[in-house]
Amino acid sequence: MSRVVHFEIHAEDVGRAVAFYGDVFGWTFEDWSEFAGMPTRARSPGRRGRRASTGP
C-alpha cells in the first residue's frame, strides 16, 4: 500500500490542533510559518524504516 505523503488539516486554533494530534498520535511538529508565509505546521517525519504515526 502506498504511503500518504501530504494532507492538510485546517484549524482555527492551530495550537490546540497541534496539542491534540500530538497527544493522540504522538506526532511532533515544526513551525514552517516563515517559509510558507502563513501559519503552517509540518509534522516531523518518523525515523526511516518506521511508520511515522500510530494511526491505521
N, C-alpha and C. Protein backbone atom coordinates (compact mmCIF):
# COMPACT_ATOMS: atom_id res chain seq x y z
N MET A 1 0.84 -1.17 0.00
CA MET A 1 0.00 0.00 0.00
C MET A 1 0.89 1.24 0.00
N SER A 2 0.53 2.23 -0.78
CA SER A 2 1.29 3.47 -0.84
C SER A 2 1.18 4.25 0.46
N ARG A 3 2.19 5.01 0.76
CA ARG A 3 2.23 5.82 1.98
C ARG A 3 1.71 7.23 1.70
N VAL A 4 0.89 7.76 2.59
CA VAL A 4 0.40 9.13 2.46
C VAL A 4 1.58 10.06 2.69
N VAL A 5 1.77 11.02 1.79
CA VAL A 5 2.89 11.94 1.93
C VAL A 5 2.46 13.38 2.18
N HIS A 6 1.17 13.68 1.99
CA HIS A 6 0.71 15.04 2.22
C HIS A 6 -0.78 15.04 2.52
N PHE A 7 -1.16 15.79 3.54
CA PHE A 7 -2.56 16.07 3.79
C PHE A 7 -2.60 17.35 4.61
N GLU A 8 -3.73 18.02 4.58
CA GLU A 8 -3.89 19.27 5.31
C GLU A 8 -5.04 19.17 6.28
N ILE A 9 -4.84 19.77 7.43
CA ILE A 9 -5.90 19.88 8.43
C ILE A 9 -6.04 21.36 8.74
N HIS A 10 -7.18 21.92 8.44
CA HIS A 10 -7.43 23.34 8.71
C HIS A 10 -8.02 23.48 10.11
N ALA A 11 -7.48 24.44 10.85
CA ALA A 11 -7.94 24.63 12.23
C ALA A 11 -7.93 26.11 12.58
N GLU A 12 -8.96 26.55 13.28
CA GLU A 12 -8.99 27.94 13.74
C GLU A 12 -7.99 28.16 14.87
N ASP A 13 -7.79 27.16 15.70
CA ASP A 13 -6.85 27.25 16.82
C ASP A 13 -5.72 26.26 16.57
N VAL A 14 -4.67 26.73 15.90
CA VAL A 14 -3.57 25.86 15.49
C VAL A 14 -2.89 25.22 16.69
N GLY A 15 -2.66 25.99 17.75
CA GLY A 15 -2.03 25.44 18.94
C GLY A 15 -2.82 24.29 19.54
N ARG A 16 -4.12 24.43 19.55
CA ARG A 16 -4.99 23.37 20.09
C ARG A 16 -4.93 22.13 19.20
N ALA A 17 -4.92 22.33 17.88
CA ALA A 17 -4.83 21.20 16.95
C ALA A 17 -3.49 20.48 17.09
N VAL A 18 -2.42 21.23 17.21
CA VAL A 18 -1.09 20.64 17.38
C VAL A 18 -1.05 19.82 18.68
N ALA A 19 -1.60 20.37 19.75
CA ALA A 19 -1.63 19.65 21.03
C ALA A 19 -2.46 18.37 20.91
N PHE A 20 -3.62 18.46 20.25
CA PHE A 20 -4.50 17.30 20.11
C PHE A 20 -3.81 16.18 19.34
N TYR A 21 -3.31 16.47 18.14
CA TYR A 21 -2.69 15.43 17.32
C TYR A 21 -1.39 14.92 17.94
N GLY A 22 -0.69 15.77 18.66
CA GLY A 22 0.49 15.33 19.39
C GLY A 22 0.14 14.33 20.48
N ASP A 23 -0.93 14.63 21.22
CA ASP A 23 -1.37 13.74 22.30
C ASP A 23 -1.93 12.42 21.76
N VAL A 24 -2.76 12.50 20.73
CA VAL A 24 -3.44 11.31 20.21
C VAL A 24 -2.50 10.38 19.45
N PHE A 25 -1.68 10.95 18.55
CA PHE A 25 -0.84 10.13 17.68
C PHE A 25 0.65 10.16 18.04
N GLY A 26 1.03 11.02 18.99
CA GLY A 26 2.44 11.13 19.34
C GLY A 26 3.25 11.90 18.32
N TRP A 27 2.57 12.66 17.45
CA TRP A 27 3.25 13.41 16.40
C TRP A 27 3.96 14.61 17.00
N THR A 28 5.04 15.02 16.37
CA THR A 28 5.71 16.28 16.69
C THR A 28 5.63 17.16 15.45
N PHE A 29 5.71 18.46 15.66
CA PHE A 29 5.51 19.40 14.57
C PHE A 29 6.63 20.42 14.51
N GLU A 30 6.89 20.92 13.30
CA GLU A 30 7.84 22.01 13.09
C GLU A 30 7.05 23.22 12.58
N ASP A 31 7.43 24.40 13.03
CA ASP A 31 6.77 25.64 12.59
C ASP A 31 7.40 26.09 11.28
N TRP A 32 6.64 26.04 10.19
CA TRP A 32 7.10 26.46 8.87
C TRP A 32 6.46 27.78 8.45
N SER A 33 5.93 28.54 9.41
CA SER A 33 5.20 29.77 9.09
C SER A 33 6.04 30.77 8.30
N GLU A 34 7.29 30.94 8.68
CA GLU A 34 8.15 31.90 7.98
C GLU A 34 8.36 31.47 6.52
N PHE A 35 8.57 30.20 6.29
CA PHE A 35 8.78 29.67 4.94
C PHE A 35 7.50 29.76 4.11
N ALA A 36 6.36 29.42 4.72
CA ALA A 36 5.10 29.34 4.00
C ALA A 36 4.41 30.69 3.83
N GLY A 37 4.76 31.67 4.68
CA GLY A 37 4.12 32.97 4.60
C GLY A 37 2.74 33.02 5.26
N MET A 38 2.40 32.01 6.01
CA MET A 38 1.14 31.94 6.75
C MET A 38 1.34 30.94 7.88
N PRO A 39 0.47 30.94 8.88
CA PRO A 39 0.63 29.97 9.96
C PRO A 39 0.61 28.54 9.42
N THR A 40 1.71 27.84 9.54
CA THR A 40 1.84 26.50 9.00
C THR A 40 2.68 25.64 9.94
N ARG A 41 2.21 24.46 10.22
CA ARG A 41 2.97 23.49 11.00
C ARG A 41 3.10 22.24 10.14
N ALA A 42 4.27 21.65 10.14
CA ALA A 42 4.51 20.41 9.41
C ALA A 42 4.83 19.32 10.42
N ARG A 43 4.23 18.18 10.22
CA ARG A 43 4.52 17.06 11.10
C ARG A 43 5.92 16.57 10.81
N SER A 44 6.71 16.42 11.84
CA SER A 44 8.07 15.92 11.67
C SER A 44 8.02 14.46 11.28
N PRO A 45 8.87 14.05 10.33
CA PRO A 45 8.83 12.66 9.88
C PRO A 45 9.34 11.71 10.96
N GLY A 46 8.86 10.48 10.88
CA GLY A 46 9.34 9.45 11.79
C GLY A 46 10.71 8.96 11.34
N ARG A 47 11.28 8.07 12.11
CA ARG A 47 12.58 7.54 11.73
C ARG A 47 12.46 6.69 10.48
N ARG A 48 13.48 6.70 9.66
CA ARG A 48 13.50 5.94 8.41
C ARG A 48 13.23 4.47 8.69
N GLY A 49 12.35 3.90 7.88
CA GLY A 49 12.05 2.49 8.03
C GLY A 49 10.95 2.18 9.04
N ARG A 50 10.45 3.20 9.72
CA ARG A 50 9.38 3.00 10.71
C ARG A 50 8.21 3.89 10.31
N ARG A 51 7.02 3.48 10.70
CA ARG A 51 5.85 4.32 10.46
C ARG A 51 5.97 5.57 11.28
N ALA A 52 5.60 6.70 10.69
CA ALA A 52 5.71 7.97 11.38
C ALA A 52 4.55 8.19 12.35
N SER A 53 3.45 7.50 12.17
CA SER A 53 2.32 7.70 13.06
C SER A 53 1.87 6.36 13.63
N THR A 54 1.04 6.43 14.62
CA THR A 54 0.49 5.20 15.19
C THR A 54 -0.91 4.96 14.69
N GLY A 55 -1.34 5.77 13.74
CA GLY A 55 -2.69 5.61 13.17
C GLY A 55 -2.76 4.43 12.24
N PRO A 56 -3.95 4.10 11.76
CA PRO A 56 -4.13 2.94 10.87
C PRO A 56 -3.47 3.17 9.53
